[in-house]
All heavy atoms as atom14 arrays in JSON, in Angstrom:
{
  "sequence": "GTTLQMIGEVAGMSPPEISRLVGDKRQIYLEVMNRYYGAEAAHMRA",
  "atom14_mask": [
    [1, 1, 1, 1, 0, 0, 0, 0, 0, 0, 0, 0, 0, 0],
    [1, 1, 1, 1, 1, 1, 1, 0, 0, 0, 0, 0, 0, 0],
    [1, 1, 1, 1, 1, 1, 1, 0, 0, 0, 0, 0, 0, 0],
    [1, 1, 1, 1, 1, 1, 1, 1, 0, 0, 0, 0, 0, 0],
    [1, 1, 1, 1, 1, 1, 1, 1, 1, 0, 0, 0, 0, 0],
    [1, 1, 1, 1, 1, 1, 1, 1, 0, 0, 0, 0, 0, 0],
    [1, 1, 1, 1, 1, 1, 1, 1, 0, 0, 0, 0, 0, 0],
    [1, 1, 1, 1, 0, 0, 0, 0, 0, 0, 0, 0, 0, 0],
    [1, 1, 1, 1, 1, 1, 1, 1, 1, 0, 0, 0, 0, 0],
    [1, 1, 1, 1, 1, 1, 1, 0, 0, 0, 0, 0, 0, 0],
    [1, 1, 1, 1, 1, 0, 0, 0, 0, 0, 0, 0, 0, 0],
    [1, 1, 1, 1, 0, 0, 0, 0, 0, 0, 0, 0, 0, 0],
    [1, 1, 1, 1, 1, 1, 1, 1, 0, 0, 0, 0, 0, 0],
    [1, 1, 1, 1, 1, 1, 0, 0, 0, 0, 0, 0, 0, 0],
    [1, 1, 1, 1, 1, 1, 1, 0, 0, 0, 0, 0, 0, 0],
    [1, 1, 1, 1, 1, 1, 1, 0, 0, 0, 0, 0, 0, 0],
    [1, 1, 1, 1, 1, 1, 1, 1, 1, 0, 0, 0, 0, 0],
    [1, 1, 1, 1, 1, 1, 1, 1, 0, 0, 0, 0, 0, 0],
    [1, 1, 1, 1, 1, 1, 0, 0, 0, 0, 0, 0, 0, 0],
    [1, 1, 1, 1, 1, 1, 1, 1, 1, 1, 1, 0, 0, 0],
    [1, 1, 1, 1, 1, 1, 1, 1, 0, 0, 0, 0, 0, 0],
    [1, 1, 1, 1, 1, 1, 1, 0, 0, 0, 0, 0, 0, 0],
    [1, 1, 1, 1, 0, 0, 0, 0, 0, 0, 0, 0, 0, 0],
    [1, 1, 1, 1, 1, 1, 1, 1, 0, 0, 0, 0, 0, 0],
    [1, 1, 1, 1, 1, 1, 1, 1, 1, 0, 0, 0, 0, 0],
    [1, 1, 1, 1, 1, 1, 1, 1, 1, 1, 1, 0, 0, 0],
    [1, 1, 1, 1, 1, 1, 1, 1, 1, 0, 0, 0, 0, 0],
    [1, 1, 1, 1, 1, 1, 1, 1, 0, 0, 0, 0, 0, 0],
    [1, 1, 1, 1, 1, 1, 1, 1, 1, 1, 1, 1, 0, 0],
    [1, 1, 1, 1, 1, 1, 1, 1, 0, 0, 0, 0, 0, 0],
    [1, 1, 1, 1, 1, 1, 1, 1, 1, 0, 0, 0, 0, 0],
    [1, 1, 1, 1, 1, 1, 1, 0, 0, 0, 0, 0, 0, 0],
    [1, 1, 1, 1, 1, 1, 1, 1, 0, 0, 0, 0, 0, 0],
    [1, 1, 1, 1, 1, 1, 1, 1, 0, 0, 0, 0, 0, 0],
    [1, 1, 1, 1, 1, 1, 1, 1, 1, 1, 1, 0, 0, 0],
    [1, 1, 1, 1, 1, 1, 1, 1, 1, 1, 1, 1, 0, 0],
    [1, 1, 1, 1, 1, 1, 1, 1, 1, 1, 1, 1, 0, 0],
    [1, 1, 1, 1, 0, 0, 0, 0, 0, 0, 0, 0, 0, 0],
    [1, 1, 1, 1, 1, 0, 0, 0, 0, 0, 0, 0, 0, 0],
    [1, 1, 1, 1, 1, 1, 1, 1, 1, 0, 0, 0, 0, 0],
    [1, 1, 1, 1, 1, 0, 0, 0, 0, 0, 0, 0, 0, 0],
    [1, 1, 1, 1, 1, 0, 0, 0, 0, 0, 0, 0, 0, 0],
    [1, 1, 1, 1, 1, 1, 1, 1, 1, 1, 0, 0, 0, 0],
    [1, 1, 1, 1, 1, 1, 1, 1, 0, 0, 0, 0, 0, 0],
    [1, 1, 1, 1, 1, 1, 1, 1, 1, 1, 1, 0, 0, 0],
    [1, 1, 1, 1, 1, 0, 0, 0, 0, 0, 0, 0, 0, 0]
  ],
  "atom14_positions": [
    [[54.58, 109.28, 137.14], [54.12, 110.35, 138.02], [53.26, 109.88, 139.18], [52.83, 110.68, 140.01], [0.0, 0.0, 0.0], [0.0, 0.0, 0.0], [0.0, 0.0, 0.0], [0.0, 0.0, 0.0], [0.0, 0.0, 0.0], [0.0, 0.0, 0.0], [0.0, 0.0, 0.0], [0.0, 0.0, 0.0], [0.0, 0.0, 0.0], [0.0, 0.0, 0.0]],
    [[53.02, 108.59, 139.25], [52.17, 108.02, 140.3], [53.02, 107.23, 141.28], [53.88, 106.46, 140.88], [51.1, 107.09, 139.67], [50.3, 107.84, 138.76], [50.21, 106.48, 140.74], [0.0, 0.0, 0.0], [0.0, 0.0, 0.0], [0.0, 0.0, 0.0], [0.0, 0.0, 0.0], [0.0, 0.0, 0.0], [0.0, 0.0, 0.0], [0.0, 0.0, 0.0]],
    [[52.76, 107.43, 142.56], [53.47, 106.67, 143.59], [52.5, 105.74, 144.31], [51.28, 105.93, 144.26], [54.1, 107.61, 144.63], [53.03, 108.29, 145.32], [55.04, 108.63, 143.97], [0.0, 0.0, 0.0], [0.0, 0.0, 0.0], [0.0, 0.0, 0.0], [0.0, 0.0, 0.0], [0.0, 0.0, 0.0], [0.0, 0.0, 0.0], [0.0, 0.0, 0.0]],
    [[53.06, 104.75, 145.0], [52.22, 103.88, 145.83], [51.52, 104.69, 146.92], [50.38, 104.4, 147.28], [53.05, 102.77, 146.48], [53.34, 101.54, 145.62], [54.16, 100.53, 146.4], [52.07, 100.9, 145.11], [0.0, 0.0, 0.0], [0.0, 0.0, 0.0], [0.0, 0.0, 0.0], [0.0, 0.0, 0.0], [0.0, 0.0, 0.0], [0.0, 0.0, 0.0]],
    [[52.19, 105.73, 147.4], [51.58, 106.6, 148.41], [50.32, 107.25, 147.85], [49.29, 107.3, 148.52], [52.59, 107.68, 148.85], [52.07, 108.59, 149.95], [51.88, 107.87, 151.28], [52.64, 106.98, 151.62], [50.85, 108.25, 152.01], [0.0, 0.0, 0.0], [0.0, 0.0, 0.0], [0.0, 0.0, 0.0], [0.0, 0.0, 0.0], [0.0, 0.0, 0.0]],
    [[50.4, 107.74, 146.61], [49.23, 108.37, 145.99], [48.1, 107.36, 145.81], [46.93, 107.67, 146.07], [49.6, 108.94, 144.61], [50.53, 110.1, 144.64], [51.07, 110.4, 142.94], [51.52, 112.11, 143.06], [0.0, 0.0, 0.0], [0.0, 0.0, 0.0], [0.0, 0.0, 0.0], [0.0, 0.0, 0.0], [0.0, 0.0, 0.0], [0.0, 0.0, 0.0]],
    [[48.46, 106.18, 145.33], [47.44, 105.13, 145.15], [46.79, 104.83, 146.5], [45.57, 104.71, 146.6], [48.07, 103.86, 144.54], [48.58, 104.15, 143.12], [47.05, 102.71, 144.52], [49.45, 103.06, 142.52], [0.0, 0.0, 0.0], [0.0, 0.0, 0.0], [0.0, 0.0, 0.0], [0.0, 0.0, 0.0], [0.0, 0.0, 0.0], [0.0, 0.0, 0.0]],
    [[47.61, 104.75, 147.53], [47.09, 104.49, 148.87], [46.15, 105.58, 149.35], [45.11, 105.28, 149.95], [0.0, 0.0, 0.0], [0.0, 0.0, 0.0], [0.0, 0.0, 0.0], [0.0, 0.0, 0.0], [0.0, 0.0, 0.0], [0.0, 0.0, 0.0], [0.0, 0.0, 0.0], [0.0, 0.0, 0.0], [0.0, 0.0, 0.0], [0.0, 0.0, 0.0]],
    [[46.49, 106.83, 149.08], [45.62, 107.94, 149.5], [44.27, 107.85, 148.81], [43.23, 108.07, 149.44], [46.3, 109.27, 149.19], [47.47, 109.57, 150.13], [48.28, 110.79, 149.72], [47.85, 111.54, 148.81], [49.36, 110.99, 150.31], [0.0, 0.0, 0.0], [0.0, 0.0, 0.0], [0.0, 0.0, 0.0], [0.0, 0.0, 0.0], [0.0, 0.0, 0.0]],
    [[44.27, 107.53, 147.51], [43.01, 107.43, 146.78], [42.21, 106.2, 147.23], [41.0, 106.27, 147.38], [43.26, 107.41, 145.25], [41.97, 107.13, 144.49], [43.86, 108.73, 144.79], [0.0, 0.0, 0.0], [0.0, 0.0, 0.0], [0.0, 0.0, 0.0], [0.0, 0.0, 0.0], [0.0, 0.0, 0.0], [0.0, 0.0, 0.0], [0.0, 0.0, 0.0]],
    [[42.91, 105.09, 147.46], [42.23, 103.85, 147.85], [41.94, 103.77, 149.35], [41.21, 102.88, 149.79], [43.08, 102.65, 147.43], [0.0, 0.0, 0.0], [0.0, 0.0, 0.0], [0.0, 0.0, 0.0], [0.0, 0.0, 0.0], [0.0, 0.0, 0.0], [0.0, 0.0, 0.0], [0.0, 0.0, 0.0], [0.0, 0.0, 0.0], [0.0, 0.0, 0.0]],
    [[42.53, 104.68, 150.13], [42.33, 104.65, 151.58], [43.1, 103.54, 152.27], [42.62, 102.96, 153.24], [0.0, 0.0, 0.0], [0.0, 0.0, 0.0], [0.0, 0.0, 0.0], [0.0, 0.0, 0.0], [0.0, 0.0, 0.0], [0.0, 0.0, 0.0], [0.0, 0.0, 0.0], [0.0, 0.0, 0.0], [0.0, 0.0, 0.0], [0.0, 0.0, 0.0]],
    [[44.32, 103.28, 151.76], [45.16, 102.22, 152.33], [46.61, 102.68, 152.37], [46.99, 103.61, 151.68], [45.09, 100.97, 151.45], [43.74, 100.32, 151.4], [43.8, 98.94, 150.26], [42.1, 98.92, 149.75], [0.0, 0.0, 0.0], [0.0, 0.0, 0.0], [0.0, 0.0, 0.0], [0.0, 0.0, 0.0], [0.0, 0.0, 0.0], [0.0, 0.0, 0.0]],
    [[47.39, 101.98, 153.15], [48.82, 102.29, 153.22], [49.56, 101.55, 152.1], [49.08, 100.51, 151.61], [49.38, 101.87, 154.57], [49.41, 100.45, 154.65], [0.0, 0.0, 0.0], [0.0, 0.0, 0.0], [0.0, 0.0, 0.0], [0.0, 0.0, 0.0], [0.0, 0.0, 0.0], [0.0, 0.0, 0.0], [0.0, 0.0, 0.0], [0.0, 0.0, 0.0]],
    [[50.73, 102.05, 151.7], [51.52, 101.34, 150.69], [51.82, 99.88, 151.05], [51.71, 99.0, 150.18], [52.8, 102.18, 150.58], [52.32, 103.57, 150.87], [51.3, 103.38, 151.97], [0.0, 0.0, 0.0], [0.0, 0.0, 0.0], [0.0, 0.0, 0.0], [0.0, 0.0, 0.0], [0.0, 0.0, 0.0], [0.0, 0.0, 0.0], [0.0, 0.0, 0.0]],
    [[52.13, 99.55, 152.32], [52.33, 98.13, 152.63], [51.06, 97.28, 152.42], [51.14, 96.15, 151.96], [52.73, 98.14, 154.11], [53.34, 99.49, 154.33], [52.54, 100.41, 153.45], [0.0, 0.0, 0.0], [0.0, 0.0, 0.0], [0.0, 0.0, 0.0], [0.0, 0.0, 0.0], [0.0, 0.0, 0.0], [0.0, 0.0, 0.0], [0.0, 0.0, 0.0]],
    [[49.88, 97.87, 152.73], [48.63, 97.13, 152.47], [48.45, 96.89, 150.98], [48.02, 95.81, 150.56], [47.43, 97.91, 153.02], [47.3, 97.94, 154.51], [46.15, 98.83, 154.95], [46.23, 100.06, 154.73], [45.2, 98.28, 155.51], [0.0, 0.0, 0.0], [0.0, 0.0, 0.0], [0.0, 0.0, 0.0], [0.0, 0.0, 0.0], [0.0, 0.0, 0.0]],
    [[48.77, 97.91, 150.19], [48.64, 97.79, 148.74], [49.57, 96.71, 148.22], [49.16, 95.85, 147.42], [48.94, 99.15, 148.07], [47.8, 100.12, 148.37], [49.13, 98.99, 146.56], [48.07, 101.53, 147.95], [0.0, 0.0, 0.0], [0.0, 0.0, 0.0], [0.0, 0.0, 0.0], [0.0, 0.0, 0.0], [0.0, 0.0, 0.0], [0.0, 0.0, 0.0]],
    [[50.8, 96.73, 148.67], [51.77, 95.72, 148.23], [51.32, 94.32, 148.59], [51.48, 93.38, 147.81], [53.14, 96.01, 148.83], [53.64, 97.23, 148.34], [0.0, 0.0, 0.0], [0.0, 0.0, 0.0], [0.0, 0.0, 0.0], [0.0, 0.0, 0.0], [0.0, 0.0, 0.0], [0.0, 0.0, 0.0], [0.0, 0.0, 0.0], [0.0, 0.0, 0.0]],
    [[50.74, 94.18, 149.77], [50.25, 92.87, 150.2], [49.1, 92.39, 149.31], [49.01, 91.23, 148.94], [49.81, 92.94, 151.66], [49.26, 91.63, 152.22], [48.74, 91.78, 153.65], [47.81, 92.88, 153.85], [46.51, 92.85, 153.52], [45.99, 91.79, 152.95], [45.73, 93.89, 153.78], [0.0, 0.0, 0.0], [0.0, 0.0, 0.0], [0.0, 0.0, 0.0]],
    [[48.22, 93.31, 148.93], [47.03, 92.95, 148.15], [47.32, 92.74, 146.67], [46.79, 91.81, 146.06], [45.97, 94.05, 148.27], [45.21, 94.14, 149.56], [44.46, 95.45, 149.66], [44.24, 92.95, 149.66], [0.0, 0.0, 0.0], [0.0, 0.0, 0.0], [0.0, 0.0, 0.0], [0.0, 0.0, 0.0], [0.0, 0.0, 0.0], [0.0, 0.0, 0.0]],
    [[48.13, 93.62, 146.09], [48.28, 93.63, 144.64], [49.73, 93.46, 144.19], [50.0, 92.98, 143.11], [47.69, 94.93, 144.02], [47.66, 94.86, 142.51], [46.3, 95.19, 144.55], [0.0, 0.0, 0.0], [0.0, 0.0, 0.0], [0.0, 0.0, 0.0], [0.0, 0.0, 0.0], [0.0, 0.0, 0.0], [0.0, 0.0, 0.0], [0.0, 0.0, 0.0]],
    [[50.66, 93.88, 145.02], [52.07, 93.82, 144.63], [52.65, 95.21, 144.51], [52.09, 96.18, 145.02], [0.0, 0.0, 0.0], [0.0, 0.0, 0.0], [0.0, 0.0, 0.0], [0.0, 0.0, 0.0], [0.0, 0.0, 0.0], [0.0, 0.0, 0.0], [0.0, 0.0, 0.0], [0.0, 0.0, 0.0], [0.0, 0.0, 0.0], [0.0, 0.0, 0.0]],
    [[53.76, 95.3, 143.81], [54.41, 96.59, 143.66], [53.73, 97.41, 142.55], [52.8, 96.95, 141.89], [55.91, 96.43, 143.41], [56.24, 95.69, 142.12], [55.34, 95.49, 141.26], [57.41, 95.31, 141.95], [0.0, 0.0, 0.0], [0.0, 0.0, 0.0], [0.0, 0.0, 0.0], [0.0, 0.0, 0.0], [0.0, 0.0, 0.0], [0.0, 0.0, 0.0]],
    [[54.23, 98.61, 142.33], [53.6, 99.52, 141.35], [53.61, 98.91, 139.96], [52.63, 99.03, 139.22], [54.32, 100.87, 141.37], [53.63, 101.9, 140.48], [54.21, 103.29, 140.66], [55.43, 103.49, 139.82], [55.8, 104.92, 139.68], [0.0, 0.0, 0.0], [0.0, 0.0, 0.0], [0.0, 0.0, 0.0], [0.0, 0.0, 0.0], [0.0, 0.0, 0.0]],
    [[54.7, 98.24, 139.6], [54.79, 97.61, 138.28], [53.68, 96.57, 138.11], [53.02, 96.5, 137.07], [56.16, 96.97, 138.1], [56.37, 96.32, 136.76], [57.76, 95.66, 136.67], [58.0, 95.16, 135.36], [57.48, 94.04, 134.87], [56.67, 93.31, 135.61], [57.76, 93.65, 133.64], [0.0, 0.0, 0.0], [0.0, 0.0, 0.0], [0.0, 0.0, 0.0]],
    [[53.48, 95.74, 139.11], [52.43, 94.71, 139.05], [51.04, 95.34, 138.94], [50.19, 94.85, 138.2], [52.52, 93.79, 140.27], [53.74, 92.89, 140.27], [53.93, 92.19, 141.59], [54.0, 92.83, 142.64], [54.01, 90.87, 141.56], [0.0, 0.0, 0.0], [0.0, 0.0, 0.0], [0.0, 0.0, 0.0], [0.0, 0.0, 0.0], [0.0, 0.0, 0.0]],
    [[50.85, 96.41, 139.66], [49.56, 97.1, 139.6], [49.35, 97.68, 138.2], [48.27, 97.56, 137.62], [49.47, 98.22, 140.67], [49.56, 97.61, 142.07], [48.19, 99.02, 140.51], [49.78, 98.63, 143.18], [0.0, 0.0, 0.0], [0.0, 0.0, 0.0], [0.0, 0.0, 0.0], [0.0, 0.0, 0.0], [0.0, 0.0, 0.0], [0.0, 0.0, 0.0]],
    [[50.4, 98.28, 137.64], [50.31, 98.86, 136.3], [49.96, 97.78, 135.27], [49.09, 97.98, 134.42], [51.63, 99.53, 135.95], [51.68, 100.18, 134.6], [51.02, 101.37, 134.35], [52.41, 99.6, 133.56], [51.09, 101.99, 133.11], [52.48, 100.2, 132.31], [51.82, 101.39, 132.1], [51.88, 101.98, 130.86], [0.0, 0.0, 0.0], [0.0, 0.0, 0.0]],
    [[50.63, 96.65, 135.35], [50.34, 95.57, 134.42], [48.91, 95.07, 134.57], [48.23, 94.75, 133.59], [51.34, 94.42, 134.59], [52.76, 94.73, 134.12], [53.72, 93.63, 134.53], [52.79, 94.96, 132.6], [0.0, 0.0, 0.0], [0.0, 0.0, 0.0], [0.0, 0.0, 0.0], [0.0, 0.0, 0.0], [0.0, 0.0, 0.0], [0.0, 0.0, 0.0]],
    [[48.43, 95.02, 135.81], [47.03, 94.63, 136.05], [46.07, 95.63, 135.4], [45.1, 95.25, 134.75], [46.78, 94.54, 137.56], [45.34, 94.29, 137.93], [44.99, 92.82, 138.03], [45.9, 91.99, 138.08], [43.78, 92.54, 138.07], [0.0, 0.0, 0.0], [0.0, 0.0, 0.0], [0.0, 0.0, 0.0], [0.0, 0.0, 0.0], [0.0, 0.0, 0.0]],
    [[46.35, 96.91, 135.57], [45.5, 97.95, 134.97], [45.52, 97.82, 133.45], [44.46, 97.81, 132.79], [45.97, 99.36, 135.41], [45.32, 100.45, 134.56], [45.67, 99.58, 136.88], [0.0, 0.0, 0.0], [0.0, 0.0, 0.0], [0.0, 0.0, 0.0], [0.0, 0.0, 0.0], [0.0, 0.0, 0.0], [0.0, 0.0, 0.0], [0.0, 0.0, 0.0]],
    [[46.7, 97.71, 132.86], [46.81, 97.61, 131.4], [46.12, 96.36, 130.88], [45.42, 96.4, 129.86], [48.28, 97.64, 130.96], [48.97, 98.96, 131.22], [48.21, 100.38, 130.37], [48.83, 100.15, 128.71], [0.0, 0.0, 0.0], [0.0, 0.0, 0.0], [0.0, 0.0, 0.0], [0.0, 0.0, 0.0], [0.0, 0.0, 0.0], [0.0, 0.0, 0.0]],
    [[46.28, 95.25, 131.58], [45.62, 94.01, 131.16], [44.09, 94.14, 131.22], [43.4, 93.66, 130.34], [46.08, 92.83, 132.02], [47.33, 92.21, 131.5], [47.35, 91.69, 130.39], [48.39, 92.25, 132.28], [0.0, 0.0, 0.0], [0.0, 0.0, 0.0], [0.0, 0.0, 0.0], [0.0, 0.0, 0.0], [0.0, 0.0, 0.0], [0.0, 0.0, 0.0]],
    [[43.6, 94.79, 132.24], [42.15, 94.95, 132.35], [41.59, 95.85, 131.24], [40.59, 95.52, 130.61], [41.78, 95.53, 133.71], [41.89, 94.52, 134.81], [41.39, 95.1, 136.09], [41.59, 94.15, 137.18], [40.98, 94.23, 138.32], [40.14, 95.21, 138.56], [41.22, 93.33, 139.25], [0.0, 0.0, 0.0], [0.0, 0.0, 0.0], [0.0, 0.0, 0.0]],
    [[42.24, 96.99, 131.05], [41.77, 97.88, 129.99], [41.86, 97.21, 128.63], [40.94, 97.27, 127.83], [42.56, 99.19, 129.99], [42.15, 100.19, 131.06], [43.08, 101.02, 131.65], [40.83, 100.32, 131.46], [42.72, 101.95, 132.61], [40.46, 101.25, 132.43], [41.41, 102.06, 133.0], [41.04, 102.98, 133.94], [0.0, 0.0, 0.0], [0.0, 0.0, 0.0]],
    [[42.99, 96.56, 128.38], [43.15, 95.87, 127.11], [42.12, 94.74, 126.97], [41.53, 94.57, 125.91], [44.55, 95.3, 126.93], [44.58, 94.35, 125.77], [44.52, 94.84, 124.47], [44.58, 92.97, 125.96], [44.47, 93.97, 123.39], [44.52, 92.11, 124.89], [44.47, 92.61, 123.6], [44.4, 91.75, 122.54], [0.0, 0.0, 0.0], [0.0, 0.0, 0.0]],
    [[41.92, 93.97, 128.02], [40.97, 92.86, 127.96], [39.57, 93.31, 127.59], [38.9, 92.67, 126.77], [0.0, 0.0, 0.0], [0.0, 0.0, 0.0], [0.0, 0.0, 0.0], [0.0, 0.0, 0.0], [0.0, 0.0, 0.0], [0.0, 0.0, 0.0], [0.0, 0.0, 0.0], [0.0, 0.0, 0.0], [0.0, 0.0, 0.0], [0.0, 0.0, 0.0]],
    [[39.13, 94.42, 128.16], [37.8, 94.94, 127.84], [37.75, 95.39, 126.38], [36.78, 95.1, 125.66], [37.45, 96.09, 128.77], [0.0, 0.0, 0.0], [0.0, 0.0, 0.0], [0.0, 0.0, 0.0], [0.0, 0.0, 0.0], [0.0, 0.0, 0.0], [0.0, 0.0, 0.0], [0.0, 0.0, 0.0], [0.0, 0.0, 0.0], [0.0, 0.0, 0.0]],
    [[38.79, 96.08, 125.93], [38.83, 96.55, 124.55], [38.88, 95.37, 123.58], [38.17, 95.32, 122.58], [40.03, 97.46, 124.34], [40.14, 98.0, 122.93], [41.33, 98.92, 122.76], [42.17, 99.05, 123.67], [41.41, 99.54, 121.69], [0.0, 0.0, 0.0], [0.0, 0.0, 0.0], [0.0, 0.0, 0.0], [0.0, 0.0, 0.0], [0.0, 0.0, 0.0]],
    [[39.72, 94.38, 123.86], [39.85, 93.22, 122.99], [38.55, 92.43, 122.92], [38.15, 91.99, 121.83], [40.99, 92.32, 123.47], [0.0, 0.0, 0.0], [0.0, 0.0, 0.0], [0.0, 0.0, 0.0], [0.0, 0.0, 0.0], [0.0, 0.0, 0.0], [0.0, 0.0, 0.0], [0.0, 0.0, 0.0], [0.0, 0.0, 0.0], [0.0, 0.0, 0.0]],
    [[37.86, 92.27, 124.03], [36.58, 91.56, 124.03], [35.58, 92.3, 123.15], [34.84, 91.68, 122.37], [36.05, 91.43, 125.46], [0.0, 0.0, 0.0], [0.0, 0.0, 0.0], [0.0, 0.0, 0.0], [0.0, 0.0, 0.0], [0.0, 0.0, 0.0], [0.0, 0.0, 0.0], [0.0, 0.0, 0.0], [0.0, 0.0, 0.0], [0.0, 0.0, 0.0]],
    [[35.57, 93.62, 123.25], [34.66, 94.42, 122.41], [34.99, 94.23, 120.93], [34.1, 93.97, 120.12], [34.77, 95.89, 122.8], [34.03, 96.79, 121.87], [32.66, 96.96, 121.93], [34.46, 97.57, 120.84], [32.28, 97.79, 120.98], [33.35, 98.17, 120.3], [0.0, 0.0, 0.0], [0.0, 0.0, 0.0], [0.0, 0.0, 0.0], [0.0, 0.0, 0.0]],
    [[36.27, 94.33, 120.6], [36.67, 94.24, 119.19], [36.44, 92.83, 118.64], [36.0, 92.66, 117.49], [38.13, 94.66, 119.01], [38.4, 96.12, 119.37], [37.26, 97.31, 118.59], [37.67, 97.1, 116.87], [0.0, 0.0, 0.0], [0.0, 0.0, 0.0], [0.0, 0.0, 0.0], [0.0, 0.0, 0.0], [0.0, 0.0, 0.0], [0.0, 0.0, 0.0]],
    [[36.69, 91.8, 119.43], [36.45, 90.43, 118.96], [34.95, 90.19, 118.75], [34.56, 89.48, 117.81], [37.05, 89.42, 119.92], [38.57, 89.39, 119.83], [39.18, 88.27, 120.64], [40.62, 88.33, 120.65], [41.42, 87.92, 119.69], [40.9, 87.41, 118.58], [42.73, 88.01, 119.8], [0.0, 0.0, 0.0], [0.0, 0.0, 0.0], [0.0, 0.0, 0.0]],
    [[34.11, 90.77, 119.59], [32.66, 90.65, 119.39], [32.24, 91.31, 118.09], [31.39, 90.79, 117.36], [31.91, 91.26, 120.58], [0.0, 0.0, 0.0], [0.0, 0.0, 0.0], [0.0, 0.0, 0.0], [0.0, 0.0, 0.0], [0.0, 0.0, 0.0], [0.0, 0.0, 0.0], [0.0, 0.0, 0.0], [0.0, 0.0, 0.0], [0.0, 0.0, 0.0]]
  ]
}
């Protein structure tokens, strides 16, 4: 349900700027999931 256009509107950037910085939507999603998981895993390992 999320588009690069929506991400751009929230971040204040155009979709091409987003793609240049982070990649496509799939890459951004994987980055988000990795970050959330990384924080949770660090907590649980502690």
